[in-house]
Amino acid sequence: MAEHPEAMSSLALHIAAALEAADLAAFSDLLDPEVHWGPPDAASPTCQTRDQVLSWYRRGREAGTRARVSETTVLGDRILVGLRVTGLQAAGTRTPADRGGEAQRWQVLTVRDGRVIDIVGFDTRREAMARAGVPDAR
């Protein structure tokens, strides 16, 4: 069943607020207990439960990674989240951050029954938009 556009817009706002404030309790409320998180097309997701996802975010925060939400776009039952991330070495990337320690990253969050059930991380908006079902996104 498709999510209602108004509910998705509200959820996108709540996600942005929780991520912007690094409020893991608020973010937890938005995640399905069996949420998956990981890179695109991974054989096995990095995280397979809400607790694992929250631990991943907590470890990044403790290691100095910070994120500012630059965009949330509702695309049917998915939400595209753009993040300006600092401290990327701590976030597990192998390349230094762009432009003075900051890089843009993207996540596609899939929603079912009002909760996030899947999070996939991308290095480019184009890849994220393609995964969200927007062909030839720029």
Protein backbone atom coordinates (compact mmCIF):
# COMPACT_ATOMS: atom_id res chain seq x y z
CA MET A 1 0.00 0.00 0.00
CA ALA A 2 1.37 3.42 -0.97
CA GLU A 3 2.10 5.94 1.75
CA HIS A 4 -0.03 9.11 1.80
CA PRO A 5 1.79 12.18 0.44
CA GLU A 6 0.91 14.31 3.49
CA ALA A 7 2.18 11.64 5.88
CA MET A 8 5.38 11.26 3.85
CA SER A 9 5.99 15.03 3.90
CA SER A 10 5.51 15.08 7.65
CA LEU A 11 7.81 12.10 8.09
CA ALA A 12 10.48 13.79 5.95
CA LEU A 13 10.33 16.85 8.21
CA HIS A 14 10.67 14.68 11.33
CA ILE A 15 13.61 12.79 9.82
CA ALA A 16 15.37 16.04 8.91
CA ALA A 17 14.82 17.46 12.40
CA ALA A 18 16.09 14.29 14.13
CA LEU A 19 19.18 14.04 11.92
CA GLU A 20 19.95 17.76 12.13
CA ALA A 21 19.76 17.66 15.94
CA ALA A 22 21.57 14.29 16.13
CA ASP A 23 18.60 13.18 18.25
CA LEU A 24 18.85 9.41 18.16
CA ALA A 25 15.78 8.95 20.37
CA ALA A 26 13.65 10.90 17.90
CA PHE A 27 15.24 9.08 14.95
CA SER A 28 14.59 5.74 16.66
CA ASP A 29 10.86 6.47 16.74
CA LEU A 30 10.88 6.83 12.94
CA LEU A 31 12.62 3.50 12.23
CA ASP A 32 11.03 0.09 11.88
CA PRO A 33 12.55 -2.40 14.36
CA GLU A 34 13.85 -4.46 11.40
CA VAL A 35 15.21 -1.52 9.36
CA HIS A 36 18.18 -2.26 7.09
CA TRP A 37 20.99 0.18 6.36
CA GLY A 38 23.95 -0.15 4.03
CA PRO A 39 25.59 0.64 0.72
CA PRO A 40 23.78 0.02 -2.56
CA ASP A 41 23.59 -3.56 -3.77
CA ALA A 42 25.41 -5.02 -0.76
CA ALA A 43 25.09 -8.78 -0.38
CA SER A 44 24.22 -8.19 3.26
CA PRO A 45 23.24 -4.82 4.77
CA THR A 46 25.69 -3.24 7.21
CA CYS A 47 22.88 -2.94 9.77
CA GLN A 48 19.82 -5.18 10.02
CA THR A 49 17.95 -3.76 13.01
CA ARG A 50 17.01 -0.40 14.48
CA ASP A 51 19.50 -0.90 17.32
CA GLN A 52 22.32 -1.57 14.85
CA VAL A 53 21.43 1.53 12.80
CA LEU A 54 21.34 3.70 15.91
CA SER A 55 24.67 2.25 17.09
CA TRP A 56 26.22 3.07 13.71
CA TYR A 57 25.06 6.69 13.93
CA ARG A 58 26.16 6.90 17.59
CA ARG A 59 29.66 5.58 16.79
CA GLY A 60 30.03 8.10 13.97
CA ARG A 61 28.96 10.94 16.22
CA GLU A 62 31.40 9.83 18.96
CA ALA A 63 34.18 9.69 16.34
CA GLY A 64 33.53 13.30 15.33
CA THR A 65 31.29 12.88 12.28
CA ARG A 66 28.67 15.60 11.94
CA ALA A 67 25.89 16.00 9.38
CA ARG A 68 23.67 18.87 8.29
CA VAL A 69 20.57 18.06 6.26
CA SER A 70 20.71 19.86 2.91
CA GLU A 71 17.62 18.34 1.31
CA THR A 72 14.67 16.06 1.87
CA THR A 73 12.60 15.11 -1.14
CA VAL A 74 9.61 12.78 -1.04
CA LEU A 75 9.53 10.35 -3.97
CA GLY A 76 6.50 8.08 -3.55
CA ASP A 77 7.30 5.69 -0.71
CA ARG A 78 10.90 6.91 -0.51
CA ILE A 79 12.60 9.96 0.95
CA LEU A 80 15.83 11.30 -0.50
CA VAL A 81 17.97 12.88 2.22
CA GLY A 82 20.95 15.04 1.30
CA LEU A 83 23.59 15.46 3.99
CA ARG A 84 26.61 17.73 4.30
CA VAL A 85 28.97 15.56 6.30
CA THR A 86 32.18 16.47 8.12
CA GLY A 87 34.63 14.03 9.67
CA LEU A 88 34.14 11.50 6.88
CA GLN A 89 37.24 9.50 7.75
CA ALA A 90 35.47 8.62 10.98
CA ALA A 91 32.34 7.72 9.03
CA GLY A 92 34.17 4.90 7.30
CA THR A 93 35.04 6.41 3.94
CA ARG A 94 38.50 5.91 2.51
CA THR A 95 38.81 9.31 0.88
CA PRO A 96 39.18 12.67 2.56
CA ALA A 97 36.17 14.93 2.57
CA ASP A 98 35.74 17.49 -0.16
CA ARG A 99 35.99 21.27 0.26
CA GLY A 100 37.73 21.77 3.56
CA GLY A 101 36.55 18.68 5.34
CA GLU A 102 32.95 18.60 4.13
CA ALA A 103 31.31 16.34 1.55
CA GLN A 104 27.80 15.82 0.26
CA ARG A 105 26.30 12.38 0.83
CA TRP A 106 22.84 11.01 0.03
CA GLN A 107 20.54 8.46 1.59
CA VAL A 108 17.38 6.92 0.18
CA LEU A 109 14.96 5.91 2.93
CA THR A 110 12.13 3.54 2.03
CA VAL A 111 8.95 3.83 4.11
CA ARG A 112 6.30 1.25 4.91
CA ASP A 113 3.41 1.78 7.32
CA GLY A 114 4.80 5.14 8.41
CA ARG A 115 8.26 3.89 9.39
CA VAL A 116 11.62 3.71 7.64
CA ILE A 117 12.33 0.11 6.65
CA ASP A 118 15.44 0.57 4.49
CA ILE A 119 18.27 3.12 4.27
CA VAL A 120 20.79 3.04 1.41
CA GLY A 121 23.76 5.42 1.31
CA PHE A 122 25.20 7.00 -1.84
CA ASP A 123 28.11 9.26 -2.74
CA THR A 124 26.19 11.09 -5.47
CA ARG A 125 22.70 12.50 -5.84
CA ARG A 126 22.42 10.97 -9.30
CA GLU A 127 22.94 7.45 -7.93
CA ALA A 128 20.49 8.10 -5.12
CA MET A 129 17.82 9.47 -7.45
CA ALA A 130 18.23 6.51 -9.79
CA ARG A 131 17.74 4.13 -6.85
CA ALA A 132 14.65 6.10 -5.84
CA GLY A 133 13.22 5.49 -9.31
CA VAL A 134 13.92 8.83 -10.95
CA PRO A 135 15.57 8.02 -14.30
CA ASP A 136 18.31 10.26 -15.70
CA ALA A 137 18.31 12.44 -12.58
CA ARG A 138 20.74 15.34 -12.63
